[in-house]
Amino acid sequence: MALFWLSDDAWAAIEPHLPKNQPGARRVDDRRVISGILHVLKSGGRWCDCPADYGPATTVYNRFNRWSARGFWLKLLDALVDAGAVTKSTAIDSTYVKAQRAAFGGKRGLKRRRSAARAVAGRPRSTPSRTSSVARSR
C-alpha cells in the first residue's frame, strides 16, 4: 500500500497551528506523525498496523488521542476552513455494516408465532389428554 505524505502546501497551512513548547521527551517529527495519523484514518486500519515510516505506532496513536482530547483537530479544521484550504462540510460514508448472526433468524430460520387474536380464539396449545385425566382419577 502506498504511504500518505502531507504536501508542502498542506504542511504550510497546518504548521502554524501546532502546539509548541510541550513538556516531555524530545518530539518525533510532527509532519511525519500527522501523515501517519491521516494514513491510518484514510486506510481504516488499526493503529498498531501503522507503517514504521511514520514513527512508532504508539506515538502516532498517542498523539492523535491526546490532541483529540484537547480539541486540537477541531481547531485545526476551523483554521484550515478560514484559510480556504478545505470546506467545513464533509460526508463520511461506509458500506460496511456488521450484523449479528441472529439478526435475521440465525441458524434456525424464522420462528412462527401465533397472533394474539388466534391465541384467544383457538384452543390452548397443550391440553390434558383423556388418558392422563383418567389416570389421575384412579
N, C-alpha and C. Protein backbone atom coordinates (compact mmCIF):
# COMPACT_ATOMS: atom_id res chain seq x y z
N MET A 1 0.85 -1.18 0.00
CA MET A 1 0.00 0.00 0.00
C MET A 1 0.90 1.24 0.00
N ALA A 2 0.52 2.24 -0.76
CA ALA A 2 1.29 3.48 -0.84
C ALA A 2 1.12 4.28 0.45
N LEU A 3 2.19 4.89 0.87
CA LEU A 3 2.15 5.72 2.07
C LEU A 3 1.61 7.10 1.73
N PHE A 4 0.97 7.72 2.70
CA PHE A 4 0.42 9.07 2.53
C PHE A 4 1.36 10.07 3.18
N TRP A 5 1.73 11.11 2.43
CA TRP A 5 2.56 12.17 2.99
C TRP A 5 1.89 13.50 2.72
N LEU A 6 1.92 14.39 3.71
CA LEU A 6 1.36 15.72 3.54
C LEU A 6 2.15 16.49 2.49
N SER A 7 1.45 17.22 1.63
CA SER A 7 2.12 18.04 0.64
C SER A 7 2.72 19.27 1.33
N ASP A 8 3.60 19.97 0.63
CA ASP A 8 4.22 21.17 1.20
C ASP A 8 3.19 22.26 1.48
N ASP A 9 2.18 22.39 0.60
CA ASP A 9 1.13 23.39 0.80
C ASP A 9 0.28 23.06 2.03
N ALA A 10 -0.07 21.78 2.18
CA ALA A 10 -0.88 21.37 3.33
C ALA A 10 -0.08 21.57 4.62
N TRP A 11 1.21 21.23 4.59
CA TRP A 11 2.03 21.39 5.79
C TRP A 11 2.19 22.86 6.15
N ALA A 12 2.32 23.72 5.14
CA ALA A 12 2.45 25.16 5.40
C ALA A 12 1.18 25.71 6.05
N ALA A 13 0.01 25.16 5.71
CA ALA A 13 -1.24 25.61 6.31
C ALA A 13 -1.41 25.07 7.74
N ILE A 14 -0.87 23.89 8.02
CA ILE A 14 -1.05 23.24 9.32
C ILE A 14 -0.01 23.70 10.34
N GLU A 15 1.23 23.87 9.92
CA GLU A 15 2.35 24.08 10.85
C GLU A 15 2.17 25.23 11.84
N PRO A 16 1.62 26.39 11.46
CA PRO A 16 1.48 27.47 12.44
C PRO A 16 0.52 27.15 13.58
N HIS A 17 -0.33 26.16 13.42
CA HIS A 17 -1.35 25.85 14.43
C HIS A 17 -0.94 24.72 15.37
N LEU A 18 0.23 24.16 15.17
CA LEU A 18 0.68 23.05 16.02
C LEU A 18 1.09 23.56 17.39
N PRO A 19 0.86 22.76 18.44
CA PRO A 19 1.28 23.15 19.78
C PRO A 19 2.81 23.20 19.86
N LYS A 20 3.32 24.21 20.52
CA LYS A 20 4.77 24.38 20.67
C LYS A 20 5.14 24.29 22.14
N ASN A 21 6.42 24.06 22.41
CA ASN A 21 6.97 24.03 23.77
C ASN A 21 6.22 23.07 24.69
N GLN A 22 5.98 21.88 24.21
CA GLN A 22 5.32 20.87 25.03
C GLN A 22 6.34 20.21 25.94
N PRO A 23 5.96 19.96 27.20
CA PRO A 23 6.91 19.29 28.11
C PRO A 23 7.05 17.81 27.74
N GLY A 24 8.11 17.22 28.20
CA GLY A 24 8.29 15.79 27.99
C GLY A 24 9.52 15.50 27.12
N ALA A 25 9.57 14.29 26.61
CA ALA A 25 10.70 13.85 25.81
C ALA A 25 10.73 14.61 24.48
N ARG A 26 11.88 14.51 23.80
CA ARG A 26 12.04 15.16 22.51
C ARG A 26 10.98 14.63 21.54
N ARG A 27 10.33 15.54 20.86
CA ARG A 27 9.20 15.16 20.00
C ARG A 27 9.68 14.54 18.69
N VAL A 28 8.89 13.57 18.24
CA VAL A 28 9.09 13.00 16.92
C VAL A 28 8.58 14.03 15.92
N ASP A 29 9.12 14.03 14.71
CA ASP A 29 8.76 14.99 13.67
C ASP A 29 7.24 15.05 13.49
N ASP A 30 6.65 16.24 13.69
CA ASP A 30 5.20 16.41 13.62
C ASP A 30 4.64 16.08 12.24
N ARG A 31 5.35 16.48 11.20
CA ARG A 31 4.86 16.22 9.84
C ARG A 31 4.75 14.72 9.59
N ARG A 32 5.73 13.98 10.05
CA ARG A 32 5.74 12.53 9.87
C ARG A 32 4.60 11.88 10.65
N VAL A 33 4.38 12.32 11.90
CA VAL A 33 3.34 11.74 12.74
C VAL A 33 1.94 12.09 12.21
N ILE A 34 1.74 13.34 11.80
CA ILE A 34 0.42 13.73 11.26
C ILE A 34 0.13 12.99 9.96
N SER A 35 1.16 12.78 9.15
CA SER A 35 0.98 11.98 7.93
C SER A 35 0.57 10.55 8.30
N GLY A 36 1.16 10.01 9.37
CA GLY A 36 0.80 8.67 9.84
C GLY A 36 -0.64 8.62 10.35
N ILE A 37 -1.04 9.65 11.08
CA ILE A 37 -2.42 9.70 11.59
C ILE A 37 -3.40 9.72 10.42
N LEU A 38 -3.13 10.58 9.45
CA LEU A 38 -4.03 10.66 8.29
C LEU A 38 -4.02 9.37 7.48
N HIS A 39 -2.87 8.71 7.41
CA HIS A 39 -2.79 7.43 6.71
C HIS A 39 -3.70 6.39 7.37
N VAL A 40 -3.62 6.29 8.69
CA VAL A 40 -4.44 5.31 9.41
C VAL A 40 -5.93 5.66 9.26
N LEU A 41 -6.28 6.93 9.37
CA LEU A 41 -7.68 7.33 9.25
C LEU A 41 -8.21 7.10 7.85
N LYS A 42 -7.39 7.34 6.85
CA LYS A 42 -7.83 7.14 5.46
C LYS A 42 -7.93 5.66 5.11
N SER A 43 -6.99 4.86 5.59
CA SER A 43 -6.98 3.44 5.23
C SER A 43 -7.96 2.63 6.07
N GLY A 44 -8.30 3.14 7.26
CA GLY A 44 -9.22 2.41 8.13
C GLY A 44 -8.56 1.25 8.85
N GLY A 45 -7.23 1.22 8.85
CA GLY A 45 -6.51 0.14 9.51
C GLY A 45 -6.43 0.35 11.01
N ARG A 46 -5.78 -0.60 11.66
CA ARG A 46 -5.57 -0.50 13.11
C ARG A 46 -4.35 0.37 13.38
N TRP A 47 -4.34 1.01 14.53
CA TRP A 47 -3.22 1.86 14.90
C TRP A 47 -1.93 1.06 14.97
N CYS A 48 -2.00 -0.14 15.48
CA CYS A 48 -0.79 -0.94 15.63
C CYS A 48 -0.22 -1.39 14.28
N ASP A 49 -1.01 -1.29 13.21
CA ASP A 49 -0.53 -1.65 11.88
C ASP A 49 -0.01 -0.46 11.09
N CYS A 50 0.15 0.67 11.76
CA CYS A 50 0.68 1.87 11.11
C CYS A 50 2.11 1.58 10.65
N PRO A 51 2.45 1.87 9.38
CA PRO A 51 3.81 1.60 8.89
C PRO A 51 4.87 2.32 9.72
N ALA A 52 6.02 1.68 9.85
CA ALA A 52 7.11 2.22 10.67
C ALA A 52 7.69 3.50 10.08
N ASP A 53 7.43 3.79 8.81
CA ASP A 53 7.93 5.02 8.20
C ASP A 53 7.38 6.27 8.88
N TYR A 54 6.25 6.14 9.55
CA TYR A 54 5.63 7.27 10.23
C TYR A 54 6.10 7.42 11.67
N GLY A 55 6.93 6.51 12.12
CA GLY A 55 7.38 6.53 13.50
C GLY A 55 6.71 5.40 14.27
N PRO A 56 6.98 5.30 15.56
CA PRO A 56 6.36 4.24 16.36
C PRO A 56 4.84 4.35 16.36
N ALA A 57 4.17 3.22 16.21
CA ALA A 57 2.71 3.21 16.15
C ALA A 57 2.10 3.79 17.43
N THR A 58 2.74 3.54 18.58
CA THR A 58 2.21 4.09 19.83
C THR A 58 2.30 5.61 19.84
N THR A 59 3.34 6.16 19.26
CA THR A 59 3.48 7.62 19.18
C THR A 59 2.38 8.20 18.31
N VAL A 60 2.14 7.57 17.17
CA VAL A 60 1.10 8.05 16.25
C VAL A 60 -0.26 8.02 16.95
N TYR A 61 -0.56 6.91 17.61
CA TYR A 61 -1.85 6.79 18.31
C TYR A 61 -1.95 7.77 19.47
N ASN A 62 -0.91 7.84 20.29
CA ASN A 62 -0.95 8.73 21.46
C ASN A 62 -1.11 10.19 21.06
N ARG A 63 -0.42 10.59 20.00
CA ARG A 63 -0.54 11.98 19.54
C ARG A 63 -1.97 12.26 19.08
N PHE A 64 -2.54 11.33 18.32
CA PHE A 64 -3.93 11.51 17.88
C PHE A 64 -4.87 11.57 19.08
N ASN A 65 -4.69 10.67 20.02
CA ASN A 65 -5.57 10.58 21.18
C ASN A 65 -5.47 11.84 22.06
N ARG A 66 -4.27 12.28 22.35
CA ARG A 66 -4.09 13.48 23.20
C ARG A 66 -4.64 14.72 22.52
N TRP A 67 -4.34 14.88 21.24
CA TRP A 67 -4.82 16.06 20.53
C TRP A 67 -6.33 16.03 20.35
N SER A 68 -6.92 14.85 20.25
CA SER A 68 -8.38 14.76 20.17
C SER A 68 -9.01 15.21 21.49
N ALA A 69 -8.43 14.78 22.60
CA ALA A 69 -8.97 15.16 23.92
C ALA A 69 -8.87 16.67 24.14
N ARG A 70 -7.86 17.30 23.58
CA ARG A 70 -7.68 18.75 23.74
C ARG A 70 -8.47 19.57 22.72
N GLY A 71 -9.12 18.91 21.77
CA GLY A 71 -9.88 19.63 20.75
C GLY A 71 -9.01 20.22 19.66
N PHE A 72 -7.79 19.72 19.54
CA PHE A 72 -6.85 20.26 18.56
C PHE A 72 -7.35 20.09 17.13
N TRP A 73 -7.91 18.93 16.81
CA TRP A 73 -8.31 18.65 15.43
C TRP A 73 -9.44 19.58 15.01
N LEU A 74 -10.36 19.90 15.92
CA LEU A 74 -11.44 20.83 15.57
C LEU A 74 -10.91 22.24 15.33
N LYS A 75 -9.96 22.65 16.18
CA LYS A 75 -9.34 23.97 15.99
C LYS A 75 -8.57 24.03 14.68
N LEU A 76 -7.88 22.95 14.36
CA LEU A 76 -7.13 22.89 13.12
C LEU A 76 -8.07 22.95 11.91
N LEU A 77 -9.17 22.22 11.98
CA LEU A 77 -10.15 22.26 10.89
C LEU A 77 -10.71 23.66 10.71
N ASP A 78 -11.04 24.32 11.81
CA ASP A 78 -11.54 25.70 11.72
C ASP A 78 -10.51 26.63 11.08
N ALA A 79 -9.24 26.45 11.46
CA ALA A 79 -8.18 27.29 10.89
C ALA A 79 -8.02 27.03 9.39
N LEU A 80 -8.12 25.76 8.99
CA LEU A 80 -7.99 25.44 7.57
C LEU A 80 -9.18 25.94 6.76
N VAL A 81 -10.36 25.92 7.38
CA VAL A 81 -11.54 26.46 6.71
C VAL A 81 -11.39 27.97 6.54
N ASP A 82 -10.91 28.64 7.58
CA ASP A 82 -10.70 30.09 7.49
C ASP A 82 -9.67 30.45 6.43
N ALA A 83 -8.67 29.57 6.26
CA ALA A 83 -7.63 29.82 5.25
C ALA A 83 -8.11 29.45 3.85
N GLY A 84 -9.26 28.76 3.76
CA GLY A 84 -9.79 28.36 2.46
C GLY A 84 -9.17 27.09 1.92
N ALA A 85 -8.44 26.36 2.75
CA ALA A 85 -7.77 25.14 2.30
C ALA A 85 -8.74 23.96 2.16
N VAL A 86 -9.75 23.91 3.01
CA VAL A 86 -10.75 22.83 2.96
C VAL A 86 -12.13 23.43 3.18
N THR A 87 -13.16 22.63 2.90
CA THR A 87 -14.54 23.07 3.18
C THR A 87 -14.97 22.52 4.52
N LYS A 88 -15.88 23.20 5.18
CA LYS A 88 -16.32 22.81 6.52
C LYS A 88 -17.19 21.56 6.49
N SER A 89 -18.03 21.43 5.46
CA SER A 89 -18.94 20.28 5.42
C SER A 89 -18.26 19.11 4.71
N THR A 90 -18.34 17.97 5.35
CA THR A 90 -17.74 16.76 4.82
C THR A 90 -18.68 15.61 5.10
N ALA A 91 -18.74 14.66 4.19
CA ALA A 91 -19.58 13.48 4.38
C ALA A 91 -18.69 12.25 4.48
N ILE A 92 -19.02 11.41 5.42
CA ILE A 92 -18.30 10.16 5.58
C ILE A 92 -19.31 9.05 5.31
N ASP A 93 -18.93 8.14 4.44
CA ASP A 93 -19.84 7.06 4.07
C ASP A 93 -19.11 5.73 4.24
N SER A 94 -19.85 4.76 4.70
CA SER A 94 -19.28 3.43 4.82
C SER A 94 -20.31 2.43 4.36
N THR A 95 -19.87 1.49 3.57
CA THR A 95 -20.78 0.46 3.11
C THR A 95 -20.65 -0.81 3.93
N TYR A 96 -19.79 -0.80 4.91
CA TYR A 96 -19.58 -1.97 5.75
C TYR A 96 -20.43 -1.84 7.00
N VAL A 97 -21.37 -2.77 7.16
CA VAL A 97 -22.23 -2.77 8.33
C VAL A 97 -22.20 -4.19 8.89
N LYS A 98 -21.80 -4.30 10.13
CA LYS A 98 -21.73 -5.61 10.77
C LYS A 98 -23.09 -5.94 11.36
N ALA A 99 -23.57 -7.12 11.07
CA ALA A 99 -24.85 -7.58 11.61
C ALA A 99 -24.61 -8.83 12.44
N GLN A 100 -25.37 -8.98 13.47
CA GLN A 100 -25.27 -10.18 14.29
C GLN A 100 -25.79 -11.38 13.52
N ARG A 101 -25.30 -12.53 13.87
CA ARG A 101 -25.69 -13.75 13.17
C ARG A 101 -27.18 -14.02 13.30
N ALA A 102 -27.75 -13.64 14.41
CA ALA A 102 -29.17 -13.89 14.66
C ALA A 102 -30.05 -12.71 14.24
N ALA A 103 -29.50 -11.77 13.48
CA ALA A 103 -30.27 -10.58 13.11
C ALA A 103 -31.47 -10.92 12.25
N PHE A 104 -31.36 -11.97 11.45
CA PHE A 104 -32.49 -12.35 10.60
C PHE A 104 -32.85 -13.80 10.85
N GLY A 105 -32.96 -14.17 12.07
CA GLY A 105 -33.43 -15.51 12.38
C GLY A 105 -32.32 -16.48 12.76
N GLY A 106 -31.09 -16.16 12.49
CA GLY A 106 -29.99 -17.01 12.90
C GLY A 106 -29.99 -18.37 12.25
N LYS A 107 -29.52 -19.37 12.96
CA LYS A 107 -29.38 -20.72 12.42
C LYS A 107 -30.72 -21.37 12.13
N ARG A 108 -31.67 -21.15 12.99
CA ARG A 108 -32.92 -21.92 12.91
C ARG A 108 -33.95 -21.28 12.00
N GLY A 109 -33.64 -20.21 11.38
CA GLY A 109 -34.59 -19.57 10.47
C GLY A 109 -35.63 -18.77 11.24
N LEU A 110 -36.64 -18.36 10.53
CA LEU A 110 -37.70 -17.56 11.14
C LEU A 110 -38.58 -18.43 12.03
N LYS A 111 -38.95 -17.91 13.15
CA LYS A 111 -39.85 -18.64 14.05
C LYS A 111 -41.24 -18.08 13.88
N ARG A 112 -42.19 -18.98 13.69
CA ARG A 112 -43.57 -18.54 13.53
C ARG A 112 -44.22 -18.45 14.90
N ARG A 113 -44.92 -17.38 15.12
CA ARG A 113 -45.63 -17.18 16.39
C ARG A 113 -47.10 -16.99 16.09
N ARG A 114 -47.91 -17.47 16.99
CA ARG A 114 -49.34 -17.27 16.84
C ARG A 114 -49.69 -15.84 17.16
N SER A 115 -50.58 -15.29 16.39
CA SER A 115 -51.01 -13.94 16.67
C SER A 115 -51.88 -13.94 17.93
N ALA A 116 -52.01 -12.79 18.53
CA ALA A 116 -52.80 -12.69 19.77
C ALA A 116 -54.26 -13.06 19.51
N ALA A 117 -54.79 -12.66 18.35
CA ALA A 117 -56.19 -12.97 18.04
C ALA A 117 -56.39 -14.47 17.92
N ARG A 118 -55.50 -15.17 17.26
CA ARG A 118 -55.64 -16.62 17.12
C ARG A 118 -55.46 -17.32 18.46
N ALA A 119 -54.58 -16.79 19.29
CA ALA A 119 -54.36 -17.41 20.59
C ALA A 119 -55.61 -17.32 21.45
N VAL A 120 -56.34 -16.21 21.37
CA VAL A 120 -57.56 -16.04 22.15
C VAL A 120 -58.68 -16.90 21.59
N ALA A 121 -58.81 -16.92 20.27
CA ALA A 121 -59.91 -17.63 19.63
C ALA A 121 -59.72 -19.14 19.64
N GLY A 122 -58.50 -19.58 19.49
CA GLY A 122 -58.26 -21.01 19.36
C GLY A 122 -58.15 -21.71 20.69
N ARG A 123 -58.01 -23.02 20.60
CA ARG A 123 -57.84 -23.79 21.82
C ARG A 123 -56.42 -23.66 22.33
N PRO A 124 -56.20 -23.94 23.59
CA PRO A 124 -54.84 -23.85 24.13
C PRO A 124 -53.91 -24.81 23.41
N ARG A 125 -52.65 -24.49 23.39
CA ARG A 125 -51.68 -25.33 22.68
C ARG A 125 -51.53 -26.69 23.35
N SER A 126 -51.56 -26.73 24.64
CA SER A 126 -51.42 -28.03 25.30
C SER A 126 -52.66 -28.26 26.16
N THR A 127 -53.30 -29.37 25.93
CA THR A 127 -54.47 -29.74 26.73
C THR A 127 -54.21 -31.10 27.34
N PRO A 128 -54.72 -31.31 28.53
CA PRO A 128 -54.51 -32.63 29.14
C PRO A 128 -55.21 -33.71 28.31
N SER A 129 -54.52 -34.78 28.08
CA SER A 129 -55.12 -35.86 27.29
C SER A 129 -56.13 -36.61 28.15
N ARG A 130 -56.98 -37.33 27.50
CA ARG A 130 -58.00 -38.09 28.21
C ARG A 130 -57.39 -39.15 29.08
N THR A 131 -56.34 -39.76 28.59
CA THR A 131 -55.73 -40.85 29.36
C THR A 131 -55.08 -40.32 30.63
N SER A 132 -54.53 -39.13 30.59
CA SER A 132 -53.89 -38.61 31.79
C SER A 132 -54.92 -38.21 32.83
N SER A 133 -56.11 -37.72 32.37
CA SER A 133 -57.14 -37.37 33.35
C SER A 133 -57.77 -38.61 33.95
N VAL A 134 -57.88 -39.69 33.18
CA VAL A 134 -58.40 -40.95 33.70
C VAL A 134 -57.41 -41.54 34.71
N ALA A 135 -56.14 -41.43 34.42
CA ALA A 135 -55.13 -41.99 35.32
C ALA A 135 -55.14 -41.24 36.65
N ARG A 136 -55.43 -39.94 36.64
CA ARG A 136 -55.44 -39.17 37.87
C ARG A 136 -56.64 -39.54 38.73
N SER A 137 -57.76 -39.87 38.12
CA SER A 137 -58.97 -40.18 38.91
C SER A 137 -58.87 -41.51 39.62
N ARG A 138 -58.03 -42.37 39.19
CA ARG A 138 -57.92 -43.70 39.84
C ARG A 138 -57.20 -43.64 41.09
